[in-house]
Amino acid sequence: MIGAGSFLGGMFRYGLAQFVQFKVMSAFPWGTLTVNILGCLLIGIVYGLTDRGSITQEARLFLATGVLGGFTTYSAFSVEMLGLLRDGQFWSLGAYASTTVLIGLAATFVGNSITKLF
């Protein structure tokens, strides 16, 4: 179910990002930004419904890990940060957020640079 959800989320991500980017016609990545923010909103709803007992753990796995994981991994990042915030782990929250962004950017740069070597 996670794989099927991921497939659906990935297809929806591509379609929505392309649609938004085409409509806006800008160099700024509005399509990706839209997907990331929408994914955060939706994962918040899924986890809120799970906390209330309104959806099962299986449905949460399909929706959050599968569909939204395929839609955007940024949604998982944001819900993990929310958990750290709720638990009062402010140092961990700051470290996780800054490390993810900075190391992620560095890793992307290194990966891109490696492709130029061959």
N, C-alpha and C. Protein backbone atom coordinates (compact mmCIF):
# COMPACT_ATOMS: atom_id res chain seq x y z
N MET A 1 0.83 -1.20 0.00
CA MET A 1 0.00 0.00 0.00
C MET A 1 0.87 1.26 0.00
N ILE A 2 2.01 1.21 0.67
CA ILE A 2 2.89 2.38 0.69
C ILE A 2 3.42 2.64 -0.71
N GLY A 3 3.82 1.58 -1.42
CA GLY A 3 4.33 1.74 -2.78
C GLY A 3 3.27 2.31 -3.72
N ALA A 4 2.05 1.81 -3.60
CA ALA A 4 0.96 2.31 -4.45
C ALA A 4 0.67 3.77 -4.13
N GLY A 5 0.68 4.10 -2.84
CA GLY A 5 0.46 5.49 -2.44
C GLY A 5 1.57 6.39 -2.94
N SER A 6 2.80 5.90 -2.86
CA SER A 6 3.94 6.69 -3.34
C SER A 6 3.85 6.95 -4.84
N PHE A 7 3.42 5.94 -5.58
CA PHE A 7 3.22 6.10 -7.02
C PHE A 7 2.20 7.21 -7.30
N LEU A 8 1.08 7.15 -6.60
CA LEU A 8 0.03 8.16 -6.79
C LEU A 8 0.53 9.55 -6.41
N GLY A 9 1.22 9.63 -5.27
CA GLY A 9 1.73 10.92 -4.82
C GLY A 9 2.75 11.51 -5.78
N GLY A 10 3.63 10.66 -6.30
CA GLY A 10 4.64 11.13 -7.25
C GLY A 10 4.03 11.63 -8.54
N MET A 11 3.04 10.93 -9.02
CA MET A 11 2.35 11.37 -10.24
C MET A 11 1.63 12.69 -10.01
N PHE A 12 0.97 12.81 -8.86
CA PHE A 12 0.26 14.04 -8.54
C PHE A 12 1.23 15.20 -8.36
N ARG A 13 2.38 14.93 -7.72
CA ARG A 13 3.40 15.97 -7.54
C ARG A 13 3.84 16.52 -8.88
N TYR A 14 4.19 15.64 -9.79
CA TYR A 14 4.66 16.07 -11.10
C TYR A 14 3.60 16.89 -11.82
N GLY A 15 2.38 16.39 -11.83
CA GLY A 15 1.30 17.09 -12.54
C GLY A 15 1.00 18.45 -11.94
N LEU A 16 0.89 18.53 -10.63
CA LEU A 16 0.57 19.80 -9.98
C LEU A 16 1.70 20.81 -10.13
N ALA A 17 2.94 20.36 -9.92
CA ALA A 17 4.08 21.27 -10.05
C ALA A 17 4.18 21.82 -11.47
N GLN A 18 4.00 20.97 -12.45
CA GLN A 18 4.05 21.42 -13.84
C GLN A 18 2.91 22.38 -14.15
N PHE A 19 1.72 22.08 -13.68
CA PHE A 19 0.56 22.93 -13.91
C PHE A 19 0.77 24.32 -13.33
N VAL A 20 1.19 24.37 -12.06
CA VAL A 20 1.41 25.67 -11.40
C VAL A 20 2.52 26.44 -12.11
N GLN A 21 3.62 25.77 -12.40
CA GLN A 21 4.75 26.46 -13.04
C GLN A 21 4.35 27.00 -14.41
N PHE A 22 3.56 26.24 -15.15
CA PHE A 22 3.09 26.68 -16.46
C PHE A 22 2.19 27.91 -16.34
N LYS A 23 1.31 27.90 -15.34
CA LYS A 23 0.37 29.01 -15.15
C LYS A 23 1.09 30.29 -14.72
N VAL A 24 2.11 30.16 -13.89
CA VAL A 24 2.80 31.33 -13.36
C VAL A 24 3.83 31.87 -14.35
N MET A 25 4.45 30.98 -15.10
CA MET A 25 5.46 31.36 -16.08
C MET A 25 6.54 32.25 -15.44
N SER A 26 7.28 31.68 -14.50
CA SER A 26 8.31 32.40 -13.78
C SER A 26 9.51 31.49 -13.59
N ALA A 27 10.69 32.09 -13.42
CA ALA A 27 11.89 31.30 -13.14
C ALA A 27 11.88 30.79 -11.71
N PHE A 28 11.14 31.45 -10.82
CA PHE A 28 11.03 31.00 -9.43
C PHE A 28 10.25 29.69 -9.40
N PRO A 29 10.70 28.70 -8.61
CA PRO A 29 10.04 27.39 -8.61
C PRO A 29 8.72 27.36 -7.84
N TRP A 30 7.73 28.09 -8.34
CA TRP A 30 6.42 28.15 -7.69
C TRP A 30 5.74 26.79 -7.62
N GLY A 31 5.95 25.96 -8.63
CA GLY A 31 5.33 24.64 -8.64
C GLY A 31 5.81 23.78 -7.48
N THR A 32 7.11 23.73 -7.28
CA THR A 32 7.68 22.95 -6.18
C THR A 32 7.29 23.53 -4.84
N LEU A 33 7.32 24.84 -4.72
CA LEU A 33 6.91 25.49 -3.47
C LEU A 33 5.46 25.15 -3.14
N THR A 34 4.61 25.19 -4.14
CA THR A 34 3.20 24.86 -3.95
C THR A 34 3.04 23.43 -3.45
N VAL A 35 3.74 22.52 -4.08
CA VAL A 35 3.69 21.11 -3.69
C VAL A 35 4.16 20.93 -2.25
N ASN A 36 5.27 21.57 -1.90
CA ASN A 36 5.82 21.41 -0.55
C ASN A 36 4.87 21.96 0.51
N ILE A 37 4.31 23.13 0.28
CA ILE A 37 3.40 23.73 1.27
C ILE A 37 2.11 22.93 1.36
N LEU A 38 1.56 22.53 0.23
CA LEU A 38 0.35 21.70 0.24
C LEU A 38 0.61 20.37 0.94
N GLY A 39 1.76 19.76 0.67
CA GLY A 39 2.12 18.51 1.34
C GLY A 39 2.18 18.67 2.85
N CYS A 40 2.72 19.80 3.31
CA CYS A 40 2.78 20.08 4.75
C CYS A 40 1.38 20.21 5.34
N LEU A 41 0.52 20.92 4.65
CA LEU A 41 -0.86 21.08 5.11
C LEU A 41 -1.54 19.71 5.21
N LEU A 42 -1.39 18.90 4.18
CA LEU A 42 -2.06 17.61 4.14
C LEU A 42 -1.51 16.64 5.18
N ILE A 43 -0.19 16.63 5.40
CA ILE A 43 0.35 15.71 6.40
C ILE A 43 -0.07 16.14 7.81
N GLY A 44 -0.23 17.45 8.00
CA GLY A 44 -0.75 17.93 9.28
C GLY A 44 -2.15 17.43 9.53
N ILE A 45 -2.96 17.43 8.49
CA ILE A 45 -4.33 16.93 8.60
C ILE A 45 -4.32 15.43 8.88
N VAL A 46 -3.49 14.67 8.16
CA VAL A 46 -3.43 13.22 8.35
C VAL A 46 -2.99 12.89 9.78
N TYR A 47 -1.96 13.55 10.27
CA TYR A 47 -1.49 13.25 11.62
C TYR A 47 -2.48 13.73 12.68
N GLY A 48 -3.16 14.82 12.42
CA GLY A 48 -4.20 15.28 13.35
C GLY A 48 -5.35 14.28 13.43
N LEU A 49 -5.76 13.75 12.28
CA LEU A 49 -6.82 12.75 12.26
C LEU A 49 -6.37 11.45 12.93
N THR A 50 -5.10 11.11 12.76
CA THR A 50 -4.56 9.92 13.41
C THR A 50 -4.56 10.10 14.93
N ASP A 51 -4.13 11.27 15.39
CA ASP A 51 -4.11 11.55 16.83
C ASP A 51 -5.51 11.46 17.44
N ARG A 52 -6.53 11.88 16.70
CA ARG A 52 -7.91 11.82 17.18
C ARG A 52 -8.50 10.43 17.07
N GLY A 53 -7.81 9.54 16.40
CA GLY A 53 -8.33 8.19 16.21
C GLY A 53 -9.32 8.10 15.06
N SER A 54 -9.36 9.12 14.21
CA SER A 54 -10.31 9.15 13.10
C SER A 54 -9.88 8.30 11.92
N ILE A 55 -8.57 8.03 11.82
CA ILE A 55 -8.09 7.13 10.77
C ILE A 55 -7.15 6.11 11.40
N THR A 56 -7.05 4.97 10.79
CA THR A 56 -6.23 3.88 11.32
C THR A 56 -4.75 4.12 11.03
N GLN A 57 -3.91 3.38 11.71
CA GLN A 57 -2.47 3.45 11.45
C GLN A 57 -2.17 3.01 10.01
N GLU A 58 -2.92 2.04 9.52
CA GLU A 58 -2.72 1.58 8.14
C GLU A 58 -3.04 2.69 7.14
N ALA A 59 -4.13 3.40 7.40
CA ALA A 59 -4.50 4.52 6.53
C ALA A 59 -3.46 5.62 6.62
N ARG A 60 -2.93 5.86 7.82
CA ARG A 60 -1.87 6.87 7.99
C ARG A 60 -0.64 6.48 7.19
N LEU A 61 -0.26 5.20 7.24
CA LEU A 61 0.89 4.75 6.46
C LEU A 61 0.67 4.96 4.97
N PHE A 62 -0.53 4.59 4.49
CA PHE A 62 -0.84 4.77 3.07
C PHE A 62 -0.79 6.25 2.70
N LEU A 63 -1.46 7.10 3.50
CA LEU A 63 -1.57 8.51 3.16
C LEU A 63 -0.28 9.29 3.42
N ALA A 64 0.27 9.18 4.63
CA ALA A 64 1.43 9.99 5.00
C ALA A 64 2.72 9.46 4.39
N THR A 65 3.00 8.18 4.62
CA THR A 65 4.25 7.61 4.11
C THR A 65 4.18 7.36 2.61
N GLY A 66 3.05 6.84 2.15
CA GLY A 66 2.90 6.53 0.74
C GLY A 66 2.60 7.74 -0.12
N VAL A 67 1.35 8.20 -0.06
CA VAL A 67 0.91 9.29 -0.95
C VAL A 67 1.73 10.55 -0.72
N LEU A 68 1.78 11.02 0.52
CA LEU A 68 2.49 12.28 0.77
C LEU A 68 4.00 12.11 0.71
N GLY A 69 4.50 10.91 1.02
CA GLY A 69 5.92 10.65 0.85
C GLY A 69 6.32 10.72 -0.62
N GLY A 70 5.44 10.23 -1.49
CA GLY A 70 5.68 10.35 -2.92
C GLY A 70 5.42 11.75 -3.43
N PHE A 71 4.51 12.44 -2.78
CA PHE A 71 4.17 13.81 -3.17
C PHE A 71 5.30 14.76 -2.81
N THR A 72 5.78 14.66 -1.57
CA THR A 72 6.90 15.50 -1.13
C THR A 72 7.49 14.95 0.15
N THR A 73 8.80 14.82 0.21
CA THR A 73 9.42 14.42 1.47
C THR A 73 9.49 15.59 2.43
N TYR A 74 9.26 16.78 1.94
CA TYR A 74 9.26 17.95 2.82
C TYR A 74 8.15 17.85 3.86
N SER A 75 7.06 17.18 3.51
CA SER A 75 5.97 17.03 4.46
C SER A 75 6.40 16.17 5.64
N ALA A 76 7.17 15.12 5.40
CA ALA A 76 7.67 14.28 6.49
C ALA A 76 8.63 15.09 7.37
N PHE A 77 9.48 15.86 6.75
CA PHE A 77 10.41 16.74 7.46
C PHE A 77 9.65 17.69 8.39
N SER A 78 8.58 18.28 7.89
CA SER A 78 7.84 19.26 8.70
C SER A 78 7.10 18.60 9.86
N VAL A 79 6.55 17.40 9.66
CA VAL A 79 5.85 16.74 10.76
C VAL A 79 6.83 16.26 11.83
N GLU A 80 8.03 15.88 11.43
CA GLU A 80 9.05 15.52 12.41
C GLU A 80 9.48 16.74 13.22
N MET A 81 9.59 17.89 12.55
CA MET A 81 9.94 19.12 13.27
C MET A 81 8.82 19.51 14.23
N LEU A 82 7.57 19.32 13.82
CA LEU A 82 6.43 19.61 14.69
C LEU A 82 6.50 18.76 15.96
N GLY A 83 6.86 17.49 15.80
CA GLY A 83 7.01 16.61 16.95
C GLY A 83 8.07 17.11 17.92
N LEU A 84 9.20 17.57 17.38
CA LEU A 84 10.26 18.12 18.23
C LEU A 84 9.79 19.40 18.93
N LEU A 85 9.03 20.22 18.22
CA LEU A 85 8.49 21.45 18.81
C LEU A 85 7.51 21.12 19.93
N ARG A 86 6.60 20.19 19.69
CA ARG A 86 5.63 19.78 20.72
C ARG A 86 6.31 19.23 21.97
N ASP A 87 7.43 18.50 21.75
CA ASP A 87 8.15 17.89 22.86
C ASP A 87 9.09 18.88 23.56
N GLY A 88 9.12 20.12 23.07
CA GLY A 88 9.97 21.13 23.68
C GLY A 88 11.45 20.93 23.41
N GLN A 89 11.78 20.18 22.39
CA GLN A 89 13.17 19.91 22.04
C GLN A 89 13.65 20.97 21.04
N PHE A 90 13.76 22.20 21.53
CA PHE A 90 14.04 23.33 20.65
C PHE A 90 15.43 23.26 20.04
N TRP A 91 16.41 22.81 20.82
CA TRP A 91 17.75 22.70 20.27
C TRP A 91 17.76 21.67 19.15
N SER A 92 17.14 20.52 19.39
CA SER A 92 17.07 19.48 18.36
C SER A 92 16.32 19.96 17.13
N LEU A 93 15.25 20.72 17.35
CA LEU A 93 14.48 21.29 16.25
C LEU A 93 15.36 22.17 15.38
N GLY A 94 16.08 23.10 16.00
CA GLY A 94 16.95 23.99 15.24
C GLY A 94 18.08 23.25 14.54
N ALA A 95 18.65 22.28 15.25
CA ALA A 95 19.74 21.51 14.67
C ALA A 95 19.25 20.68 13.48
N TYR A 96 18.10 20.06 13.65
CA TYR A 96 17.55 19.23 12.58
C TYR A 96 17.21 20.07 11.35
N ALA A 97 16.54 21.19 11.58
CA ALA A 97 16.13 22.05 10.46
C ALA A 97 17.34 22.60 9.72
N SER A 98 18.28 23.17 10.45
CA SER A 98 19.44 23.78 9.78
C SER A 98 20.34 22.73 9.15
N THR A 99 20.54 21.62 9.83
CA THR A 99 21.38 20.56 9.27
C THR A 99 20.76 19.99 8.02
N THR A 100 19.47 19.74 8.04
CA THR A 100 18.80 19.17 6.87
C THR A 100 18.94 20.10 5.67
N VAL A 101 18.68 21.38 5.88
CA VAL A 101 18.76 22.32 4.76
C VAL A 101 20.20 22.49 4.29
N LEU A 102 21.12 22.74 5.20
CA LEU A 102 22.51 23.01 4.81
C LEU A 102 23.21 21.78 4.25
N ILE A 103 23.10 20.66 4.94
CA ILE A 103 23.74 19.44 4.46
C ILE A 103 23.05 18.95 3.18
N GLY A 104 21.74 19.09 3.12
CA GLY A 104 21.03 18.73 1.89
C GLY A 104 21.50 19.54 0.69
N LEU A 105 21.66 20.83 0.90
CA LEU A 105 22.17 21.69 -0.18
C LEU A 105 23.60 21.30 -0.55
N ALA A 106 24.43 21.05 0.46
CA ALA A 106 25.82 20.65 0.19
C ALA A 106 25.86 19.31 -0.55
N ALA A 107 25.03 18.36 -0.14
CA ALA A 107 25.01 17.06 -0.80
C ALA A 107 24.55 17.18 -2.24
N THR A 108 23.57 18.03 -2.48
CA THR A 108 23.11 18.26 -3.84
C THR A 108 24.23 18.87 -4.68
N PHE A 109 24.95 19.83 -4.11
CA PHE A 109 26.07 20.45 -4.81
C PHE A 109 27.16 19.42 -5.13
N VAL A 110 27.51 18.59 -4.14
CA VAL A 110 28.53 17.57 -4.35
C VAL A 110 28.08 16.57 -5.41
N GLY A 111 26.83 16.11 -5.30
CA GLY A 111 26.32 15.18 -6.29
C GLY A 111 26.35 15.75 -7.69
N ASN A 112 25.95 17.01 -7.81
CA ASN A 112 25.98 17.67 -9.11
C ASN A 112 27.41 17.82 -9.61
N SER A 113 28.33 18.15 -8.71
CA SER A 113 29.74 18.31 -9.07
C SER A 113 30.36 16.99 -9.54
N ILE A 114 29.97 15.89 -8.90
CA ILE A 114 30.48 14.57 -9.29
C ILE A 114 30.12 14.27 -10.73
N THR A 115 28.93 14.67 -11.16
CA THR A 115 28.53 14.38 -12.54
C THR A 115 29.37 15.12 -13.56
N LYS A 116 30.00 16.19 -13.15
CA LYS A 116 30.84 16.95 -14.07
C LYS A 116 32.24 16.35 -14.22
N LEU A 117 32.59 15.38 -13.35
CA LEU A 117 33.89 14.73 -13.41
C LEU A 117 33.96 13.67 -14.49
N PHE A 118 32.83 13.12 -14.88
CA PHE A 118 32.83 12.00 -15.82
C PHE A 118 32.25 12.38 -17.14
